[in-house]
Amino acid sequence: MIKTLVMEDDRKEPLLVLMHGDLQVSTKELARQIGARSVEPCRPEAAQKHTGYLTGGTSPFGTRKQLPVYIEQSILELERIYINGGKRGYLVGMAPADLAALLQPTAVQAGYAK
């Protein structure tokens, strides 16, 4: 299970982070890896404005505007993933290579166990 998180950098520019469902994002490490001063989760209203999706149903596909996508590197090593398809409870199964071909995300190492 992969979660899609809507975050913003210190310039309030939105970005998507794809992370294992059981891990959290180290915003400090993510900021360091993408060259930002800081990164923090968007408010739900801002996330909906940027993506067009309601909180809990955010998909990295078909966002309202094109956003940079960052993916936890270890996700790309999995055989199959399940990711939100744009509605709460609607999951799409796919190979990580297909996701990478469609979204062309930047791989990062910013996950840690809860």
PDB file of N, CA and C in Angstrom:
ATOM      1  N   MET A   1       0.844  -1.166   0.000  1.00  0.00           N
ATOM      2  CA  MET A   1       0.000   0.000   0.000  1.00  0.00           C
ATOM      3  C   MET A   1       0.896   1.238   0.000  1.00  0.00           C
ATOM      4  N   ILE A   2       0.689   2.106  -0.966  1.00  0.00           N
ATOM      5  CA  ILE A   2       1.468   3.337  -1.097  1.00  0.00           C
ATOM      6  C   ILE A   2       0.537   4.522  -0.884  1.00  0.00           C
ATOM      7  N   LYS A   3       0.940   5.455  -0.044  1.00  0.00           N
ATOM      8  CA  LYS A   3       0.116   6.639   0.184  1.00  0.00           C
ATOM      9  C   LYS A   3       0.668   7.818  -0.616  1.00  0.00           C
ATOM     10  N   THR A   4      -0.240   8.685  -1.015  1.00  0.00           N
ATOM     11  CA  THR A   4       0.106   9.900  -1.753  1.00  0.00           C
ATOM     12  C   THR A   4      -0.071  11.074  -0.808  1.00  0.00           C
ATOM     13  N   LEU A   5       0.998  11.787  -0.537  1.00  0.00           N
ATOM     14  CA  LEU A   5       0.962  12.929   0.378  1.00  0.00           C
ATOM     15  C   LEU A   5       1.197  14.216  -0.396  1.00  0.00           C
ATOM     16  N   VAL A   6       0.402  15.223  -0.086  1.00  0.00           N
ATOM     17  CA  VAL A   6       0.574  16.533  -0.709  1.00  0.00           C
ATOM     18  C   VAL A   6       1.304  17.411   0.300  1.00  0.00           C
ATOM     19  N   MET A   7       2.456  17.898  -0.111  1.00  0.00           N
ATOM     20  CA  MET A   7       3.279  18.731   0.762  1.00  0.00           C
ATOM     21  C   MET A   7       3.639  20.011   0.037  1.00  0.00           C
ATOM     22  N   GLU A   8       4.265  20.927   0.749  1.00  0.00           N
ATOM     23  CA  GLU A   8       4.743  22.157   0.125  1.00  0.00           C
ATOM     24  C   GLU A   8       6.092  22.522   0.714  1.00  0.00           C
ATOM     25  N   ASP A   9       6.897  23.173  -0.130  1.00  0.00           N
ATOM     26  CA  ASP A   9       8.226  23.570   0.325  1.00  0.00           C
ATOM     27  C   ASP A   9       8.157  24.954   0.968  1.00  0.00           C
ATOM     28  N   ASP A  10       9.302  25.501   1.315  1.00  0.00           N
ATOM     29  CA  ASP A  10       9.364  26.792   1.998  1.00  0.00           C
ATOM     30  C   ASP A  10       8.860  27.953   1.141  1.00  0.00           C
ATOM     31  N   ARG A  11       8.768  27.753  -0.159  1.00  0.00           N
ATOM     32  CA  ARG A  11       8.236  28.787  -1.056  1.00  0.00           C
ATOM     33  C   ARG A  11       6.738  28.578  -1.313  1.00  0.00           C
ATOM     34  N   LYS A  12       6.133  27.637  -0.562  1.00  0.00           N
ATOM     35  CA  LYS A  12       4.710  27.282  -0.685  1.00  0.00           C
ATOM     36  C   LYS A  12       4.392  26.623  -2.019  1.00  0.00           C
ATOM     37  N   GLU A  13       5.422  26.037  -2.666  1.00  0.00           N
ATOM     38  CA  GLU A  13       5.222  25.297  -3.909  1.00  0.00           C
ATOM     39  C   GLU A  13       4.805  23.871  -3.558  1.00  0.00           C
ATOM     40  N   PRO A  14       3.702  23.383  -4.122  1.00  0.00           N
ATOM     41  CA  PRO A  14       3.230  22.043  -3.784  1.00  0.00           C
ATOM     42  C   PRO A  14       4.049  20.941  -4.455  1.00  0.00           C
ATOM     43  N   LEU A  15       4.054  19.784  -3.831  1.00  0.00           N
ATOM     44  CA  LEU A  15       4.720  18.605  -4.376  1.00  0.00           C
ATOM     45  C   LEU A  15       4.026  17.360  -3.823  1.00  0.00           C
ATOM     46  N   LEU A  16       4.171  16.254  -4.538  1.00  0.00           N
ATOM     47  CA  LEU A  16       3.610  14.978  -4.095  1.00  0.00           C
ATOM     48  C   LEU A  16       4.730  14.077  -3.601  1.00  0.00           C
ATOM     49  N   VAL A  17       4.437  13.331  -2.555  1.00  0.00           N
ATOM     50  CA  VAL A  17       5.374  12.354  -2.025  1.00  0.00           C
ATOM     51  C   VAL A  17       4.659  11.009  -1.971  1.00  0.00           C
ATOM     52  N   LEU A  18       5.245  10.004  -2.590  1.00  0.00           N
ATOM     53  CA  LEU A  18       4.714   8.644  -2.554  1.00  0.00           C
ATOM     54  C   LEU A  18       5.527   7.867  -1.536  1.00  0.00           C
ATOM     55  N   MET A  19       4.835   7.340  -0.510  1.00  0.00           N
ATOM     56  CA  MET A  19       5.507   6.703   0.617  1.00  0.00           C
ATOM     57  C   MET A  19       4.804   5.405   0.976  1.00  0.00           C
ATOM     58  N   HIS A  20       5.562   4.459   1.510  1.00  0.00           N
ATOM     59  CA  HIS A  20       4.973   3.232   2.033  1.00  0.00           C
ATOM     60  C   HIS A  20       3.903   3.606   3.061  1.00  0.00           C
ATOM     61  N   GLY A  21       2.808   2.877   3.068  1.00  0.00           N
ATOM     62  CA  GLY A  21       1.716   3.174   3.979  1.00  0.00           C
ATOM     63  C   GLY A  21       2.085   3.074   5.444  1.00  0.00           C
ATOM     64  N   ASP A  22       3.069   2.257   5.771  1.00  0.00           N
ATOM     65  CA  ASP A  22       3.444   2.071   7.171  1.00  0.00           C
ATOM     66  C   ASP A  22       4.636   2.925   7.599  1.00  0.00           C
ATOM     67  N   LEU A  23       5.081   3.821   6.740  1.00  0.00           N
ATOM     68  CA  LEU A  23       6.209   4.694   7.078  1.00  0.00           C
ATOM     69  C   LEU A  23       5.773   6.153   7.086  1.00  0.00           C
ATOM     70  N   GLN A  24       6.540   6.965   7.758  1.00  0.00           N
ATOM     71  CA  GLN A  24       6.323   8.406   7.751  1.00  0.00           C
ATOM     72  C   GLN A  24       7.422   9.067   6.938  1.00  0.00           C
ATOM     73  N   VAL A  25       7.175  10.306   6.535  1.00  0.00           N
ATOM     74  CA  VAL A  25       8.160  11.074   5.779  1.00  0.00           C
ATOM     75  C   VAL A  25       8.959  11.946   6.740  1.00  0.00           C
ATOM     76  N   SER A  26      10.270  11.860   6.635  1.00  0.00           N
ATOM     77  CA  SER A  26      11.134  12.783   7.359  1.00  0.00           C
ATOM     78  C   SER A  26      11.178  14.056   6.527  1.00  0.00           C
ATOM     79  N   THR A  27      10.416  15.050   6.938  1.00  0.00           N
ATOM     80  CA  THR A  27      10.347  16.280   6.144  1.00  0.00           C
ATOM     81  C   THR A  27      11.698  16.984   6.097  1.00  0.00           C
ATOM     82  N   LYS A  28      12.463  16.861   7.153  1.00  0.00           N
ATOM     83  CA  LYS A  28      13.794  17.473   7.185  1.00  0.00           C
ATOM     84  C   LYS A  28      14.711  16.815   6.146  1.00  0.00           C
ATOM     85  N   GLU A  29      14.684  15.471   6.101  1.00  0.00           N
ATOM     86  CA  GLU A  29      15.516  14.749   5.142  1.00  0.00           C
ATOM     87  C   GLU A  29      15.025  14.989   3.713  1.00  0.00           C
ATOM     88  N   LEU A  30      13.722  15.010   3.517  1.00  0.00           N
ATOM     89  CA  LEU A  30      13.172  15.278   2.187  1.00  0.00           C
ATOM     90  C   LEU A  30      13.604  16.659   1.707  1.00  0.00           C
ATOM     91  N   ALA A  31      13.481  17.661   2.561  1.00  0.00           N
ATOM     92  CA  ALA A  31      13.892  19.020   2.190  1.00  0.00           C
ATOM     93  C   ALA A  31      15.368  19.042   1.788  1.00  0.00           C
ATOM     94  N   ARG A  32      16.197  18.360   2.560  1.00  0.00           N
ATOM     95  CA  ARG A  32      17.630  18.320   2.251  1.00  0.00           C
ATOM     96  C   ARG A  32      17.867  17.701   0.870  1.00  0.00           C
ATOM     97  N   GLN A  33      17.155  16.620   0.574  1.00  0.00           N
ATOM     98  CA  GLN A  33      17.376  15.913  -0.686  1.00  0.00           C
ATOM     99  C   GLN A  33      16.844  16.669  -1.902  1.00  0.00           C
ATOM    100  N   ILE A  34      15.825  17.507  -1.713  1.00  0.00           N
ATOM    101  CA  ILE A  34      15.273  18.226  -2.870  1.00  0.00           C
ATOM    102  C   ILE A  34      15.773  19.669  -2.950  1.00  0.00           C
ATOM    103  N   GLY A  35      16.641  20.060  -2.013  1.00  0.00           N
ATOM    104  CA  GLY A  35      17.226  21.394  -2.061  1.00  0.00           C
ATOM    105  C   GLY A  35      16.316  22.499  -1.563  1.00  0.00           C
ATOM    106  N   ALA A  36      15.413  22.164  -0.654  1.00  0.00           N
ATOM    107  CA  ALA A  36      14.513  23.161  -0.069  1.00  0.00           C
ATOM    108  C   ALA A  36      14.942  23.431   1.370  1.00  0.00           C
ATOM    109  N   ARG A  37      14.555  24.574   1.891  1.00  0.00           N
ATOM    110  CA  ARG A  37      14.857  24.885   3.294  1.00  0.00           C
ATOM    111  C   ARG A  37      14.001  24.038   4.224  1.00  0.00           C
ATOM    112  N   SER A  38      12.735  23.830   3.812  1.00  0.00           N
ATOM    113  CA  SER A  38      11.825  23.022   4.616  1.00  0.00           C
ATOM    114  C   SER A  38      10.727  22.460   3.731  1.00  0.00           C
ATOM    115  N   VAL A  39      10.073  21.428   4.234  1.00  0.00           N
ATOM    116  CA  VAL A  39       8.927  20.811   3.583  1.00  0.00           C
ATOM    117  C   VAL A  39       7.935  20.489   4.685  1.00  0.00           C
ATOM    118  N   GLU A  40       6.668  20.724   4.420  1.00  0.00           N
ATOM    119  CA  GLU A  40       5.636  20.392   5.403  1.00  0.00           C
ATOM    120  C   GLU A  40       4.362  19.966   4.681  1.00  0.00           C
ATOM    121  N   PRO A  41       3.512  19.194   5.357  1.00  0.00           N
ATOM    122  CA  PRO A  41       2.249  18.792   4.739  1.00  0.00           C
ATOM    123  C   PRO A  41       1.377  20.013   4.451  1.00  0.00           C
ATOM    124  N   CYS A  42       0.644  19.960   3.349  1.00  0.00           N
ATOM    125  CA  CYS A  42      -0.311  21.024   3.017  1.00  0.00           C
ATOM    126  C   CYS A  42      -1.533  20.916   3.919  1.00  0.00           C
ATOM    127  N   ARG A  43      -2.186  22.023   4.143  1.00  0.00           N
ATOM    128  CA  ARG A  43      -3.505  21.993   4.775  1.00  0.00           C
ATOM    129  C   ARG A  43      -4.454  21.266   3.829  1.00  0.00           C
ATOM    130  N   PRO A  44      -5.459  20.582   4.334  1.00  0.00           N
ATOM    131  CA  PRO A  44      -6.385  19.851   3.458  1.00  0.00           C
ATOM    132  C   PRO A  44      -6.996  20.708   2.347  1.00  0.00           C
ATOM    133  N   GLU A  45      -7.346  21.952   2.656  1.00  0.00           N
ATOM    134  CA  GLU A  45      -7.936  22.835   1.644  1.00  0.00           C
ATOM    135  C   GLU A  45      -6.942  23.130   0.520  1.00  0.00           C
ATOM    136  N   ALA A  46      -5.689  23.354   0.897  1.00  0.00           N
ATOM    137  CA  ALA A  46      -4.653  23.636  -0.108  1.00  0.00           C
ATOM    138  C   ALA A  46      -4.368  22.388  -0.940  1.00  0.00           C
ATOM    139  N   ALA A  47      -4.336  21.223  -0.294  1.00  0.00           N
ATOM    140  CA  ALA A  47      -4.092  19.973  -1.015  1.00  0.00           C
ATOM    141  C   ALA A  47      -5.191  19.742  -2.050  1.00  0.00           C
ATOM    142  N   GLN A  48      -6.441  19.989  -1.662  1.00  0.00           N
ATOM    143  CA  GLN A  48      -7.551  19.807  -2.599  1.00  0.00           C
ATOM    144  C   GLN A  48      -7.456  20.800  -3.747  1.00  0.00           C
ATOM    145  N   LYS A  49      -7.069  22.031  -3.452  1.00  0.00           N
ATOM    146  CA  LYS A  49      -6.919  23.051  -4.489  1.00  0.00           C
ATOM    147  C   LYS A  49      -5.844  22.657  -5.504  1.00  0.00           C
ATOM    148  N   HIS A  50      -4.730  22.123  -5.017  1.00  0.00           N
ATOM    149  CA  HIS A  50      -3.622  21.750  -5.902  1.00  0.00           C
ATOM    150  C   HIS A  50      -3.910  20.498  -6.727  1.00  0.00           C
ATOM    151  N   THR A  51      -4.608  19.522  -6.118  1.00  0.00           N
ATOM    152  CA  THR A  51      -4.790  18.232  -6.778  1.00  0.00           C
ATOM    153  C   THR A  51      -6.169  18.012  -7.386  1.00  0.00           C
ATOM    154  N   GLY A  52      -7.184  18.633  -6.799  1.00  0.00           N
ATOM    155  CA  GLY A  52      -8.557  18.367  -7.222  1.00  0.00           C
ATOM    156  C   GLY A  52      -9.163  17.177  -6.505  1.00  0.00           C
ATOM    157  N   TYR A  53      -8.421  16.570  -5.585  1.00  0.00           N
ATOM    158  CA  TYR A  53      -8.897  15.396  -4.847  1.00  0.00           C
ATOM    159  C   TYR A  53      -9.193  15.745  -3.399  1.00  0.00           C
ATOM    160  N   LEU A  54     -10.194  15.051  -2.831  1.00  0.00           N
ATOM    161  CA  LEU A  54     -10.498  15.201  -1.413  1.00  0.00           C
ATOM    162  C   LEU A  54      -9.444  14.475  -0.591  1.00  0.00           C
ATOM    163  N   THR A  55      -9.193  14.962   0.620  1.00  0.00           N
ATOM    164  CA  THR A  55      -8.257  14.311   1.524  1.00  0.00           C
ATOM    165  C   THR A  55      -8.699  12.872   1.742  1.00  0.00           C
ATOM    166  N   GLY A  56      -7.748  11.951   1.667  1.00  0.00           N
ATOM    167  CA  GLY A  56      -8.050  10.537   1.819  1.00  0.00           C
ATOM    168  C   GLY A  56      -8.297   9.852   0.491  1.00  0.00           C
ATOM    169  N   GLY A  57      -8.426  10.631  -0.564  1.00  0.00           N
ATOM    170  CA  GLY A  57      -8.654  10.073  -1.886  1.00  0.00           C
ATOM    171  C   GLY A  57      -7.681  10.613  -2.909  1.00  0.00           C
ATOM    172  N   THR A  58      -6.561  11.143  -2.442  1.00  0.00           N
ATOM    173  CA  THR A  58      -5.588  11.764  -3.336  1.00  0.00           C
ATOM    174  C   THR A  58      -4.824  10.716  -4.141  1.00  0.00           C
ATOM    175  N   SER A  59      -4.786  10.914  -5.431  1.00  0.00           N
ATOM    176  CA  SER A  59      -4.048  10.053  -6.343  1.00  0.00           C
ATOM    177  C   SER A  59      -2.948  10.882  -7.000  1.00  0.00           C
ATOM    178  N   PRO A  60      -1.829  10.265  -7.340  1.00  0.00           N
ATOM    179  CA  PRO A  60      -0.793  11.008  -8.057  1.00  0.00           C
ATOM    180  C   PRO A  60      -1.137  11.177  -9.541  1.00  0.00           C
ATOM    181  N   PHE A  61      -2.180  10.499  -9.996  1.00  0.00           N
ATOM    182  CA  PHE A  61      -2.589  10.552 -11.401  1.00  0.00           C
ATOM    183  C   PHE A  61      -3.711  11.564 -11.585  1.00  0.00           C
ATOM    184  N   GLY A  62      -3.640  12.345 -12.636  1.00  0.00           N
ATOM    185  CA  GLY A  62      -4.727  13.254 -12.983  1.00  0.00           C
ATOM    186  C   GLY A  62      -4.930  14.405 -12.028  1.00  0.00           C
ATOM    187  N   THR A  63      -3.867  14.916 -11.462  1.00  0.00           N
ATOM    188  CA  THR A  63      -4.000  16.067 -10.566  1.00  0.00           C
ATOM    189  C   THR A  63      -4.382  17.306 -11.366  1.00  0.00           C
ATOM    190  N   ARG A  64      -5.017  18.228 -10.684  1.00  0.00           N
ATOM    191  CA  ARG A  64      -5.494  19.460 -11.317  1.00  0.00           C
ATOM    192  C   ARG A  64      -4.377  20.189 -12.055  1.00  0.00           C
ATOM    193  N   LYS A  65      -3.224  20.263 -11.409  1.00  0.00           N
ATOM    194  CA  LYS A  65      -2.057  20.834 -12.087  1.00  0.00           C
ATOM    195  C   LYS A  65      -0.891  19.877 -11.898  1.00  0.00           C
ATOM    196  N   GLN A  66       0.042  19.916 -12.821  1.00  0.00           N
ATOM    197  CA  GLN A  66       1.181  19.011 -12.753  1.00  0.00           C
ATOM    198  C   GLN A  66       2.075  19.406 -11.590  1.00  0.00           C
ATOM    199  N   LEU A  67       2.351  18.437 -10.731  1.00  0.00           N
ATOM    200  CA  LEU A  67       3.165  18.669  -9.548  1.00  0.00           C
ATOM    201  C   LEU A  67       4.407  17.779  -9.595  1.00  0.00           C
ATOM    202  N   PRO A  68       5.521  18.242  -9.040  1.00  0.00           N
ATOM    203  CA  PRO A  68       6.678  17.354  -8.949  1.00  0.00           C
ATOM    204  C   PRO A  68       6.337  16.180  -8.034  1.00  0.00           C
ATOM    205  N   VAL A  69       6.800  14.998  -8.410  1.00  0.00           N
ATOM    206  CA  VAL A  69       6.507  13.789  -7.645  1.00  0.00           C
ATOM    207  C   VAL A  69       7.817  13.196  -7.135  1.00  0.00           C
ATOM    208  N   TYR A  70       7.836  12.904  -5.836  1.00  0.00           N
ATOM    209  CA  TYR A  70       8.979  12.267  -5.200  1.00  0.00           C
ATOM    210  C   TYR A  70       8.506  10.930  -4.658  1.00  0.00           C
ATOM    211  N   ILE A  71       9.323   9.890  -4.839  1.00  0.00           N
ATOM    212  CA  ILE A  71       8.945   8.551  -4.427  1.00  0.00           C
ATOM    213  C   ILE A  71      10.028   7.956  -3.546  1.00  0.00           C
ATOM    214  N   GLU A  72       9.616   7.322  -2.455  1.00  0.00           N
ATOM    215  CA  GLU A  72      10.566   6.613  -1.604  1.00  0.00           C
ATOM    216  C   GLU A  72      11.240   5.553  -2.466  1.00  0.00           C
ATOM    217  N   GLN A  73      12.543   5.594  -2.552  1.00  0.00           N
ATOM    218  CA  GLN A  73      13.321   4.757  -3.469  1.00  0.00           C
ATOM    219  C   GLN A  73      12.989   3.271  -3.350  1.00  0.00           C
ATOM    220  N   SER A  74      12.781   2.781  -2.155  1.00  0.00           N
ATOM    221  CA  SER A  74      12.538   1.346  -1.965  1.00  0.00           C
ATOM    222  C   SER A  74      11.217   0.885  -2.587  1.00  0.00           C
ATOM    223  N   ILE A  75      10.299   1.789  -2.865  1.00  0.00           N
ATOM    224  CA  ILE A  75       9.041   1.428  -3.527  1.00  0.00           C
ATOM    225  C   ILE A  75       9.326   0.887  -4.922  1.00  0.00           C
ATOM    226  N   LEU A  76      10.313   1.457  -5.577  1.00  0.00           N
ATOM    227  CA  LEU A  76      10.644   1.051  -6.942  1.00  0.00           C
ATOM    228  C   LEU A  76      11.182  -0.371  -7.015  1.00  0.00           C
ATOM    229  N   GLU A  77      11.579  -0.933  -5.885  1.00  0.00           N
ATOM    230  CA  GLU A  77      12.119  -2.292  -5.839  1.00  0.00           C
ATOM    231  C   GLU A  77      11.046  -3.356  -5.604  1.00  0.00           C
ATOM    232  N   LEU A  78       9.815  -2.924  -5.333  1.00  0.00           N
ATOM    233  CA  LEU A  78       8.730  -3.870  -5.069  1.00  0.00           C
ATOM    234  C   LEU A  78       8.228  -4.498  -6.363  1.00  0.00           C
ATOM    235  N   GLU A  79       7.621  -5.656  -6.238  1.00  0.00           N
ATOM    236  CA  GLU A  79       7.070  -6.347  -7.403  1.00  0.00           C
ATOM    237  C   GLU A  79       5.756  -5.716  -7.848  1.00  0.00           C
ATOM    238  N   ARG A  80       4.911  -5.354  -6.894  1.00  0.00           N
ATOM    239  CA  ARG A  80       3.597  -4.778  -7.191  1.00  0.00           C
ATOM    240  C   ARG A  80       3.227  -3.819  -6.067  1.00  0.00           C
ATOM    241  N   ILE A  81       2.550  -2.740  -6.413  1.00  0.00           N
ATOM    242  CA  ILE A  81       2.086  -1.774  -5.420  1.00  0.00           C
ATOM    243  C   ILE A  81       0.596  -1.528  -5.604  1.00  0.00           C
ATOM    244  N   TYR A  82      -0.007  -0.999  -4.549  1.00  0.00           N
ATOM    245  CA  TYR A  82      -1.407  -0.572  -4.592  1.00  0.00           C
ATOM    246  C   TYR A  82      -1.428   0.876  -4.161  1.00  0.00           C
ATOM    247  N   ILE A  83      -2.039   1.723  -4.994  1.00  0.00           N
ATOM    248  CA  ILE A  83      -2.028   3.164  -4.777  1.00  0.00           C
ATOM    249  C   ILE A  83      -3.415   3.725  -5.039  1.00  0.00           C
ATOM    250  N   ASN A  84      -3.733   4.829  -4.395  1.00  0.00           N
ATOM    251  CA  ASN A  84      -5.063   5.424  -4.524  1.00  0.00           C
ATOM    252  C   ASN A  84      -5.346   5.812  -5.970  1.00  0.00           C
ATOM    253  N   GLY A  85      -6.539   5.473  -6.406  1.00  0.00           N
ATOM    254  CA  GLY A  85      -6.951   5.764  -7.776  1.00  0.00           C
ATOM    255  C   GLY A  85      -7.794   7.016  -7.907  1.00  0.00           C
ATOM    256  N   GLY A  86      -7.933   7.808  -6.852  1.00  0.00           N
ATOM    257  CA  GLY A  86      -8.634   9.081  -6.954  1.00  0.00           C
ATOM    258  C   GLY A  86      -9.932   9.168  -6.177  1.00  0.00           C
ATOM    259  N   LYS A  87     -10.222   8.149  -5.374  1.00  0.00           N
ATOM    260  CA  LYS A  87     -11.433   8.145  -4.571  1.00  0.00           C
ATOM    261  C   LYS A  87     -11.152   7.299  -3.333  1.00  0.00           C
ATOM    262  N   ARG A  88     -11.663   7.705  -2.205  1.00  0.00           N
ATOM    263  CA  ARG A  88     -11.441   6.931  -0.983  1.00  0.00           C
ATOM    264  C   ARG A  88     -11.850   5.482  -1.201  1.00  0.00           C
ATOM    265  N   GLY A  89     -10.940   4.576  -0.871  1.00  0.00           N
ATOM    266  CA  GLY A  89     -11.217   3.156  -0.993  1.00  0.00           C
ATOM    267  C   GLY A  89     -10.990   2.575  -2.376  1.00  0.00           C
ATOM    268  N   TYR A  90     -10.647   3.400  -3.352  1.00  0.00           N
ATOM    269  CA  TYR A  90     -10.414   2.908  -4.711  1.00  0.00           C
ATOM    270  C   TYR A  90      -8.910   2.791  -4.930  1.00  0.00           C
ATOM    271  N   LEU A  91      -8.424   1.556  -4.934  1.00  0.00           N
ATOM    272  CA  LEU A  91      -6.996   1.312  -5.095  1.00  0.00           C
ATOM    273  C   LEU A  91      -6.705   0.708  -6.458  1.00  0.00           C
ATOM    274  N   VAL A  92      -5.561   1.057  -6.998  1.00  0.00           N
ATOM    275  CA  VAL A  92      -5.109   0.550  -8.287  1.00  0.00           C
ATOM    276  C   VAL A  92      -3.831  -0.245  -8.039  1.00  0.00           C
ATOM    277  N   GLY A  93      -3.789  -1.480  -8.538  1.00  0.00           N
ATOM    278  CA  GLY A  93      -2.595  -2.297  -8.436  1.00  0.00           C
ATOM    279  C   GLY A  93      -1.770  -2.156  -9.703  1.00  0.00           C
ATOM    280  N   MET A  94      -0.473  -2.032  -9.551  1.00  0.00           N
ATOM    281  CA  MET A  94       0.401  -1.877 -10.718  1.00  0.00           C
ATOM    282  C   MET A  94       1.843  -2.195 -10.359  1.00  0.00           C
ATOM    283  N   ALA A  95       2.635  -2.379 -11.375  1.00  0.00           N
ATOM    284  CA  ALA A  95       4.071  -2.550 -11.178  1.00  0.00           C
ATOM    285  C   ALA A  95       4.696  -1.169 -10.958  1.00  0.00           C
ATOM    286  N   PRO A  96       5.621  -1.047 -10.028  1.00  0.00           N
ATOM    287  CA  PRO A  96       6.284   0.241  -9.807  1.00  0.00           C
ATOM    288  C   PRO A  96       6.928   0.807 -11.067  1.00  0.00           C
ATOM    289  N   ALA A  97       7.392  -0.060 -11.953  1.00  0.00           N
ATOM    290  CA  ALA A  97       8.011   0.417 -13.199  1.00  0.00           C
ATOM    291  C   ALA A  97       6.985   1.160 -14.057  1.00  0.00           C
ATOM    292  N   ASP A  98       5.724   0.708 -14.046  1.00  0.00           N
ATOM    293  CA  ASP A  98       4.674   1.395 -14.800  1.00  0.00           C
ATOM    294  C   ASP A  98       4.383   2.762 -14.190  1.00  0.00           C
ATOM    295  N   LEU A  99       4.331   2.810 -12.862  1.00  0.00           N
ATOM    296  CA  LEU A  99       4.122   4.084 -12.180  1.00  0.00           C
ATOM    297  C   LEU A  99       5.255   5.051 -12.523  1.00  0.00           C
ATOM    298  N   ALA A 100       6.483   4.556 -12.489  1.00  0.00           N
ATOM    299  CA  ALA A 100       7.646   5.395 -12.796  1.00  0.00           C
ATOM    300  C   ALA A 100       7.594   5.904 -14.233  1.00  0.00           C
ATOM    301  N   ALA A 101       7.161   5.061 -15.156  1.00  0.00           N
ATOM    302  CA  ALA A 101       7.070   5.480 -16.558  1.00  0.00           C
ATOM    303  C   ALA A 101       6.012   6.562 -16.745  1.00  0.00           C
ATOM    304  N   LEU A 102       4.918   6.461 -16.019  1.00  0.00           N
ATOM    305  CA  LEU A 102       3.831   7.436 -16.151  1.00  0.00           C
ATOM    306  C   LEU A 102       4.141   8.766 -15.463  1.00  0.00           C
ATOM    307  N   LEU A 103       4.668   8.701 -14.244  1.00  0.00           N
ATOM    308  CA  LEU A 103       4.850   9.915 -13.438  1.00  0.00           C
ATOM    309  C   LEU A 103       6.256  10.497 -13.481  1.00  0.00           C
ATOM    310  N   GLN A 104       7.228   9.685 -13.843  1.00  0.00           N
ATOM    311  CA  GLN A 104       8.626  10.088 -13.843  1.00  0.00           C
ATOM    312  C   GLN A 104       9.017  10.782 -12.528  1.00  0.00           C
ATOM    313  N   PRO A 105       8.823  10.066 -11.416  1.00  0.00           N
ATOM    314  CA  PRO A 105       9.128  10.659 -10.107  1.00  0.00           C
ATOM    315  C   PRO A 105      10.631  10.693  -9.841  1.00  0.00           C
ATOM    316  N   THR A 106      11.007  11.524  -8.890  1.00  0.00           N
ATOM    317  CA  THR A 106      12.375  11.586  -8.414  1.00  0.00           C
ATOM    318  C   THR A 106      12.458  10.695  -7.181  1.00  0.00           C
ATOM    319  N   ALA A 107      13.404   9.755  -7.171  1.00  0.00           N
ATOM    320  CA  ALA A 107      13.574   8.849  -6.030  1.00  0.00           C
ATOM    321  C   ALA A 107      14.306   9.554  -4.893  1.00  0.00           C
ATOM    322  N   VAL A 108      13.791   9.366  -3.674  1.00  0.00           N
ATOM    323  CA  VAL A 108      14.394   9.933  -2.473  1.00  0.00           C
ATOM    324  C   VAL A 108      14.414   8.866  -1.393  1.00  0.00           C
ATOM    325  N   GLN A 109      15.177   9.130  -0.345  1.00  0.00           N
ATOM    326  CA  GLN A 109      15.207   8.258   0.819  1.00  0.00           C
ATOM    327  C   GLN A 109      14.837   9.099   2.033  1.00  0.00           C
ATOM    328  N   ALA A 110      13.541   9.151   2.324  1.00  0.00           N
ATOM    329  CA  ALA A 110      13.081  10.021   3.395  1.00  0.00           C
ATOM    330  C   ALA A 110      12.066   9.337   4.304  1.00  0.00           C
ATOM    331  N   GLY A 111      11.941   8.024   4.213  1.00  0.00           N
ATOM    332  CA  GLY A 111      10.964   7.323   5.029  1.00  0.00           C
ATOM    333  C   GLY A 111      11.568   6.801   6.321  1.00  0.00           C
ATOM    334  N   TYR A 112      10.732   6.739   7.351  1.00  0.00           N
ATOM    335  CA  TYR A 112      11.157   6.127   8.603  1.00  0.00           C
ATOM    336  C   TYR A 112       9.953   5.482   9.266  1.00  0.00           C
ATOM    337  N   ALA A 113      10.201   4.471  10.098  1.00  0.00           N
ATOM    338  CA  ALA A 113       9.121   3.748  10.761  1.00  0.00           C
ATOM    339  C   ALA A 113       8.483   4.627  11.826  1.00  0.00           C
ATOM    340  N   LYS A 114       7.212   4.436  12.013  1.00  0.00           N
ATOM    341  CA  LYS A 114       6.451   5.208  13.006  1.00  0.00           C
ATOM    342  C   LYS A 114       6.870   4.851  14.403  1.00  0.00           C
TER     343      LYS A 114
END
